[in-house]
C-alpha atoms as a PDB file:
ATOM      1  CA  VAL A   1       9.849 -26.664 -41.030  1.00  0.00           C
ATOM      2  CA  PHE A   2      10.186 -25.153 -44.510  1.00  0.00           C
ATOM      3  CA  LEU A   3      13.409 -23.497 -45.606  1.00  0.00           C
ATOM      4  CA  LEU A   4      12.218 -20.368 -47.397  1.00  0.00           C
ATOM      5  CA  GLU A   5      15.598 -18.768 -47.916  1.00  0.00           C
ATOM      6  CA  GLY A   6      19.184 -19.590 -47.083  1.00  0.00           C
ATOM      7  CA  ARG A   7      21.038 -22.795 -46.415  1.00  0.00           C
ATOM      8  CA  VAL A   8      21.200 -25.296 -43.557  1.00  0.00           C
ATOM      9  CA  VAL A   9      23.321 -28.347 -42.858  1.00  0.00           C
ATOM     10  CA  LYS A  10      21.547 -31.546 -41.818  1.00  0.00           C
ATOM     11  CA  LEU A  11      23.732 -33.745 -39.586  1.00  0.00           C
ATOM     12  CA  GLU A  12      22.740 -37.361 -38.977  1.00  0.00           C
ATOM     13  CA  VAL A  13      24.605 -40.055 -37.049  1.00  0.00           C
ATOM     14  CA  LEU A  14      24.632 -43.345 -38.967  1.00  0.00           C
ATOM     15  CA  GLY A  15      25.416 -46.874 -37.884  1.00  0.00           C
ATOM     16  CA  PRO A  16      27.240 -48.375 -34.936  1.00  0.00           C
ATOM     17  CA  ASN A  17      30.452 -46.475 -35.757  1.00  0.00           C
ATOM     18  CA  GLU A  18      28.498 -43.236 -35.381  1.00  0.00           C
ATOM     19  CA  ASP A  19      29.607 -41.905 -38.745  1.00  0.00           C
ATOM     20  CA  ILE A  20      28.156 -38.464 -39.408  1.00  0.00           C
ATOM     21  CA  CYS A  21      26.292 -37.907 -42.671  1.00  0.00           C
ATOM     22  CA  GLU A  22      26.168 -34.263 -43.723  1.00  0.00           C
ATOM     23  CA  GLU A  23      23.611 -32.981 -46.218  1.00  0.00           C
ATOM     24  CA  ILE A  24      23.153 -29.409 -47.436  1.00  0.00           C
ATOM     25  CA  LEU A  25      19.549 -28.210 -47.659  1.00  0.00           C
ATOM     26  CA  VAL A  26      18.671 -25.076 -49.604  1.00  0.00           C
ATOM     27  CA  SER A  27      15.572 -22.954 -50.230  1.00  0.00           C
ATOM     28  CA  GLY A  28      12.550 -25.133 -50.946  1.00  0.00           C
ATOM     29  CA  ALA A  29      13.598 -27.976 -48.657  1.00  0.00           C
ATOM     30  CA  TRP A  30      11.657 -29.155 -45.616  1.00  0.00           C
ATOM     31  CA  PHE A  31      12.361 -31.227 -42.539  1.00  0.00           C
ATOM     32  CA  GLY A  32      10.653 -32.271 -39.312  1.00  0.00           C
ATOM     33  CA  GLU A  33       7.652 -33.918 -40.964  1.00  0.00           C
ATOM     34  CA  ARG A  34       7.868 -36.964 -38.643  1.00  0.00           C
ATOM     35  CA  CYS A  35       5.883 -35.238 -35.900  1.00  0.00           C
ATOM     36  CA  PHE A  36       2.818 -35.114 -38.165  1.00  0.00           C
ATOM     37  CA  PHE A  37       2.537 -38.906 -38.144  1.00  0.00           C
ATOM     38  CA  GLY A  38       2.735 -39.792 -34.457  1.00  0.00           C
ATOM     39  CA  SER A  39       3.768 -38.427 -31.097  1.00  0.00           C
ATOM     40  CA  ASP A  40       6.184 -41.342 -30.725  1.00  0.00           C
ATOM     41  CA  MET A  41       8.215 -40.275 -33.759  1.00  0.00           C
ATOM     42  CA  ILE A  42      11.657 -39.142 -32.710  1.00  0.00           C
ATOM     43  CA  ARG A  43      14.050 -36.657 -34.255  1.00  0.00           C
ATOM     44  CA  GLU A  44      16.923 -38.455 -35.975  1.00  0.00           C
ATOM     45  CA  PHE A  45      19.112 -35.544 -37.056  1.00  0.00           C
ATOM     46  CA  THR A  46      20.205 -32.021 -36.218  1.00  0.00           C
ATOM     47  CA  VAL A  47      19.897 -29.025 -38.545  1.00  0.00           C
ATOM     48  CA  ILE A  48      22.213 -26.018 -38.279  1.00  0.00           C
ATOM     49  CA  ALA A  49      21.950 -22.823 -40.342  1.00  0.00           C
ATOM     50  CA  ASP A  50      25.320 -22.077 -41.935  1.00  0.00           C
ATOM     51  CA  SER A  51      24.138 -18.805 -43.450  1.00  0.00           C
ATOM     52  CA  GLN A  52      21.377 -16.330 -42.719  1.00  0.00           C
ATOM     53  CA  SER A  53      18.190 -18.292 -43.336  1.00  0.00           C
ATOM     54  CA  GLU A  54      14.455 -17.778 -43.187  1.00  0.00           C
ATOM     55  CA  LEU A  55      12.321 -20.665 -41.956  1.00  0.00           C
ATOM     56  CA  ALA A  56       8.563 -21.181 -41.849  1.00  0.00           C
ATOM     57  CA  ILE A  57       7.424 -23.341 -38.969  1.00  0.00           C
ATOM     58  CA  LEU A  58       4.128 -25.200 -39.102  1.00  0.00           C
ATOM     59  CA  PRO A  59       3.196 -26.365 -35.588  1.00  0.00           C
ATOM     60  CA  LEU A  60       1.482 -29.741 -35.329  1.00  0.00           C
ATOM     61  CA  PHE A  61      -1.759 -28.293 -33.933  1.00  0.00           C
ATOM     62  CA  GLU A  62      -2.035 -25.894 -36.909  1.00  0.00           C
ATOM     63  CA  TYR A  63      -1.277 -28.657 -39.415  1.00  0.00           C
ATOM     64  CA  MET A  64      -3.976 -30.857 -37.863  1.00  0.00           C
ATOM     65  CA  ARG A  65      -6.485 -27.985 -37.760  1.00  0.00           C
ATOM     66  CA  VAL A  66      -5.979 -27.201 -41.448  1.00  0.00           C
ATOM     67  CA  VAL A  67      -5.849 -30.801 -42.702  1.00  0.00           C
ATOM     68  CA  GLN A  68      -9.113 -31.623 -40.929  1.00  0.00           C
ATOM     69  CA  LEU A  69     -10.858 -28.862 -42.903  1.00  0.00           C
ATOM     70  CA  PHE A  70     -10.305 -30.832 -46.116  1.00  0.00           C
ATOM     71  CA  PRO A  71     -11.814 -34.340 -45.990  1.00  0.00           C
ATOM     72  CA  ARG A  72      -9.671 -35.689 -48.837  1.00  0.00           C
ATOM     73  CA  LEU A  73      -6.433 -34.511 -47.169  1.00  0.00           C
ATOM     74  CA  TRP A  74      -7.580 -35.770 -43.762  1.00  0.00           C
ATOM     75  CA  LYS A  75      -8.318 -39.193 -45.246  1.00  0.00           C
ATOM     76  CA  GLN A  76      -4.910 -39.261 -46.939  1.00  0.00           C
ATOM     77  CA  HIS A  77      -3.154 -38.191 -43.722  1.00  0.00           C
ATOM     78  CA  ASN A  78      -4.866 -40.999 -41.793  1.00  0.00           C
ATOM     79  CA  ARG A  79      -3.957 -43.523 -44.490  1.00  0.00           C
ATOM     80  CA  LEU A  80      -0.295 -42.478 -44.391  1.00  0.00           C
ATOM     81  CA  GLN A  81      -0.289 -42.637 -40.600  1.00  0.00           C
ATOM     82  CA  LYS A  82      -1.742 -46.178 -40.616  1.00  0.00           C
ATOM     83  CA  GLU A  83       0.737 -47.338 -43.255  1.00  0.00           C
ATOM     84  CA  CYS A  84       3.611 -45.965 -41.157  1.00  0.00           C
ATOM     85  CA  ARG A  85       2.384 -47.831 -38.084  1.00  0.00           C
ATOM     86  CA  ARG A  86       2.016 -51.076 -40.040  1.00  0.00           C
ATOM     87  CA  GLY A  87       5.481 -50.724 -41.538  1.00  0.00           C
ATOM     88  CA  LYS A  88       4.167 -50.467 -45.100  1.00  0.00           C
ATOM     89  CA  LEU A  89       5.453 -46.907 -45.445  1.00  0.00           C
ATOM     90  CA  HIS A  90       8.702 -45.529 -44.121  1.00  0.00           C
ATOM     91  CA  LEU A  91       8.847 -41.847 -43.291  1.00  0.00           C
ATOM     92  CA  GLU A  92      12.037 -41.553 -45.309  1.00  0.00           C
ATOM     93  CA  GLU A  93       9.763 -41.878 -48.344  1.00  0.00           C
ATOM     94  CA  LEU A  94       8.105 -38.585 -47.362  1.00  0.00           C
ATOM     95  CA  ALA A  95      11.350 -36.743 -46.698  1.00  0.00           C
ATOM     96  CA  TYR A  96      12.656 -33.970 -48.904  1.00  0.00           C
ATOM     97  CA  ILE A  97      14.613 -35.119 -51.963  1.00  0.00           C
ATOM     98  CA  ARG A  98      16.854 -32.683 -53.798  1.00  0.00           C
ATOM     99  CA  PRO A  99      15.599 -32.288 -57.390  1.00  0.00           C
ATOM    100  CA  SER A 100      18.855 -33.689 -58.803  1.00  0.00           C
ATOM    101  CA  ASP A 101      18.513 -36.771 -56.578  1.00  0.00           C
ATOM    102  CA  HIS A 102      14.838 -37.347 -57.360  1.00  0.00           C
ATOM    103  CA  ALA A 103      15.579 -38.742 -60.828  1.00  0.00           C
ATOM    104  CA  ARG A 104      18.192 -41.104 -59.385  1.00  0.00           C
ATOM    105  CA  ARG A 105      15.816 -42.367 -56.694  1.00  0.00           C
ATOM    106  CA  ALA A 106      13.025 -42.835 -59.233  1.00  0.00           C
ATOM    107  CA  SER A 107      15.357 -44.914 -61.378  1.00  0.00           C
ATOM    108  CA  GLY A 108      16.203 -47.165 -58.432  1.00  0.00           C
ATOM    109  CA  LEU A 109      19.650 -45.751 -57.716  1.00  0.00           C
ATOM    110  CA  VAL A 110      20.032 -45.008 -54.025  1.00  0.00           C
ATOM    111  CA  LEU A 111      22.537 -42.430 -52.851  1.00  0.00           C
ATOM    112  CA  THR A 112      24.781 -43.360 -49.973  1.00  0.00           C
ATOM    113  CA  LYS A 113      27.403 -41.329 -48.226  1.00  0.00           C
END
């Protein structure tokens, strides 16, 4: 799902105390990419629009149809999928990162809430 316009709140339950982490996503963000890498991937958060928003939804079957048209992308998709299964790649590494947080993550600083 791509957030074309507006603002949504991502709510995720963390840890045994079930603390709720809240993150604001704005235009340009995406979420739900887990389903592209295996049918056993489960949703780990809830997203709620807190203002009028426009979303673009890319169903799995359409993603697969398009990616298979481009051999280089198909090869890369399969490589990412294998690395996820082997535990060499965590899907969090493919998740949306706010531009202001990207520099911090690249420098090794991890944000926690």
